[in-house]
Protein backbone atom coordinates (compact mmCIF):
# COMPACT_ATOMS: atom_id res chain seq x y z
CA MET A 1 0.00 0.00 0.00
CA GLU A 2 2.80 2.44 0.83
CA ILE A 3 4.49 1.83 -2.53
CA ASN A 4 1.23 2.56 -4.36
CA THR A 5 0.83 5.80 -2.40
CA LEU A 6 4.42 6.80 -3.17
CA ILE A 7 3.96 6.05 -6.87
CA LEU A 8 0.67 7.97 -6.93
CA PHE A 9 2.24 10.94 -5.09
CA THR A 10 5.22 10.99 -7.52
CA PHE A 11 2.87 10.80 -10.50
CA PHE A 12 0.77 13.76 -9.29
CA ALA A 13 3.90 15.74 -8.36
CA ILE A 14 5.25 15.32 -11.90
CA ILE A 15 1.87 16.27 -13.39
CA PHE A 16 1.60 19.41 -11.20
CA LEU A 17 5.20 20.42 -11.99
CA ALA A 18 4.53 20.03 -15.70
CA ILE A 19 1.32 22.07 -15.45
CA GLY A 20 3.13 24.77 -13.42
CA TYR A 21 5.94 24.91 -15.96
CA PHE A 22 3.46 25.16 -18.85
CA ILE A 23 1.49 27.95 -17.13
CA GLY A 24 4.72 29.81 -16.31
CA GLN A 25 5.85 29.60 -19.95
CA LYS A 26 2.50 30.96 -21.15
CA ILE A 27 2.57 33.84 -18.64
CA THR A 28 6.16 34.73 -19.63
CA GLU A 29 5.28 34.56 -23.35
CA HIS A 30 2.24 36.79 -22.79
CA GLN A 31 4.29 39.34 -20.81
CA TRP A 32 7.02 39.31 -23.47
CA LYS A 33 4.50 39.98 -26.25
CA ASP A 34 2.99 42.86 -24.24
CA GLN A 35 6.42 44.40 -23.59
CA LEU A 36 7.86 43.86 -27.07
CA PRO A 37 6.67 47.19 -28.59
CA GLU A 38 8.12 49.12 -25.64
CA ILE A 39 11.40 47.20 -25.80
CA ARG A 40 11.68 47.93 -29.53
CA GLU A 41 10.96 51.63 -28.99
CA GLN A 42 13.61 51.84 -26.27
CA ALA A 43 16.14 50.12 -28.54
CA ILE A 44 15.35 52.56 -31.36
CA GLN A 45 15.73 55.54 -29.01
CA ARG A 46 19.10 54.25 -27.74
CA SER A 47 20.27 53.69 -31.30
CA ARG A 48 19.22 57.21 -32.28
CA SER A 49 21.01 58.65 -29.26
CA VAL A 50 24.21 56.78 -30.10
CA LEU A 51 24.08 57.85 -33.76
CA ALA A 52 23.35 61.46 -32.82
CA GLY A 53 26.26 61.41 -30.39
CA GLN A 54 28.63 59.98 -33.00
CA PHE A 55 27.48 62.50 -35.58
CA SER A 56 27.88 65.45 -33.22
CA GLU A 57 31.33 64.22 -32.18
CA GLN A 58 32.52 64.41 -35.78
CA LEU A 59 30.74 67.72 -36.34
CA ALA A 60 32.18 69.34 -33.19
CA PRO A 61 35.17 71.10 -34.84
CA TYR A 62 32.77 73.00 -37.09
CA LEU A 63 30.55 74.26 -34.29
CA PRO A 64 30.95 77.97 -33.43
CA ASP A 65 32.25 77.46 -29.87
CA PHE A 66 34.84 74.76 -30.68
CA PRO A 67 38.08 76.26 -29.30
CA PHE A 68 40.44 74.99 -32.03
CA SER A 69 40.86 75.34 -35.77
CA PRO A 70 38.99 72.53 -37.57
CA SER A 71 41.91 72.13 -39.98
CA GLU A 72 44.19 71.30 -37.05
CA ALA A 73 41.81 68.62 -35.69
CA ARG A 74 42.12 64.96 -36.58
CA PHE A 75 39.25 62.64 -35.71
CA LEU A 76 40.18 59.33 -34.08
CA GLY A 77 36.92 58.23 -32.47
CA LYS A 78 38.48 55.85 -29.97
CA PRO A 79 40.02 55.99 -27.42
CA THR A 80 39.63 59.75 -27.78
CA ASP A 81 37.64 61.76 -30.27
CA PHE A 82 40.22 64.23 -31.59
CA LEU A 83 43.88 65.04 -31.61
CA ILE A 84 44.48 68.73 -32.09
CA PHE A 85 47.81 69.74 -33.61
CA ARG A 86 47.91 73.36 -32.52
CA GLY A 87 50.03 75.42 -34.91
CA MET A 88 49.79 72.94 -37.79
CA ASP A 89 48.13 75.60 -39.98
CA GLN A 90 51.35 77.64 -39.68
CA LYS A 91 53.50 74.49 -40.14
CA GLN A 92 54.87 74.89 -36.59
CA ILE A 93 53.14 72.49 -34.17
CA GLU A 94 53.33 73.97 -30.68
CA GLU A 95 51.07 71.59 -28.80
CA VAL A 96 49.19 68.32 -29.18
CA ILE A 97 45.83 68.26 -27.41
CA PHE A 98 43.60 65.25 -26.82
CA VAL A 99 39.92 66.25 -27.02
CA GLU A 100 37.02 64.11 -25.88
CA VAL A 101 33.62 65.38 -27.05
CA LYS A 102 30.63 64.75 -24.77
CA SER A 103 27.01 65.77 -24.96
CA GLY A 104 24.20 65.82 -22.44
CA LYS A 105 25.02 64.14 -19.15
CA SER A 106 27.44 61.55 -20.55
CA GLY A 107 30.70 61.01 -18.71
CA LEU A 108 34.05 59.43 -19.47
CA ASN A 109 34.11 55.66 -19.83
CA THR A 110 36.83 53.51 -18.28
CA ALA A 111 39.18 53.70 -21.29
CA GLU A 112 38.75 57.50 -21.55
CA LYS A 113 39.45 57.95 -17.84
CA SER A 114 42.55 55.78 -18.18
CA LEU A 115 43.78 57.78 -21.18
CA LYS A 116 43.20 61.07 -19.34
CA GLU A 117 45.16 59.81 -16.33
CA THR A 118 48.02 58.62 -18.57
CA ILE A 119 48.22 62.02 -20.30
CA MET A 120 47.99 63.94 -17.01
CA GLN A 121 50.92 61.85 -15.71
CA LYS A 122 52.84 62.88 -18.87
CA LYS A 123 53.33 59.27 -19.95
CA VAL A 124 53.40 60.36 -23.59
CA ARG A 125 56.30 59.96 -25.99
CA TRP A 126 57.36 60.15 -29.63
CA MET A 127 58.50 57.19 -31.68
CA GLU A 128 59.52 56.76 -35.28
CA TYR A 129 59.01 53.43 -37.04
CA ARG A 130 60.83 52.70 -40.29
CA ILE A 131 59.42 50.14 -42.69
CA PRO A 132 62.09 47.62 -43.73
CA GLU A 133 63.42 48.33 -47.24
CA GLY A 134 62.52 44.87 -48.53
CA VAL A 135 58.84 45.54 -47.92
CA THR A 136 58.61 48.61 -50.15
CA LYS A 137 61.38 47.87 -52.66
CA LYS A 138 60.31 46.79 -56.16
CA LYS A 139 61.38 43.30 -57.12
CA GLU A 140 63.14 42.99 -60.44
């Protein structure tokens, strides 16, 4: 008798677990379908914000209050937006300035903070790299 009761209890437990799982799946699916339009709209808004930010970053040197000559600015994008070669218009570079363009309430990300710290600690140097002659020499 005890074995029959145990088998019956196990059977009903499996049935109730399966029903609970099925109901949970249906509830989740229903909630997902209800939230899908809002999720899509939020994704579109984030995408627009990112694109607008990238566009305004590249446009920044041509805005009236940009403090440097646009012809002396070189866009990098990452890890910083611009390098400014102050004096390049006169063929006498006096200063190199790293410029990070931000809009709204955005702040520096981890890489930008690290770059700023490295520059502030004056861990910047010049290096010249020469391409080996065999790479650029014409073969006869």
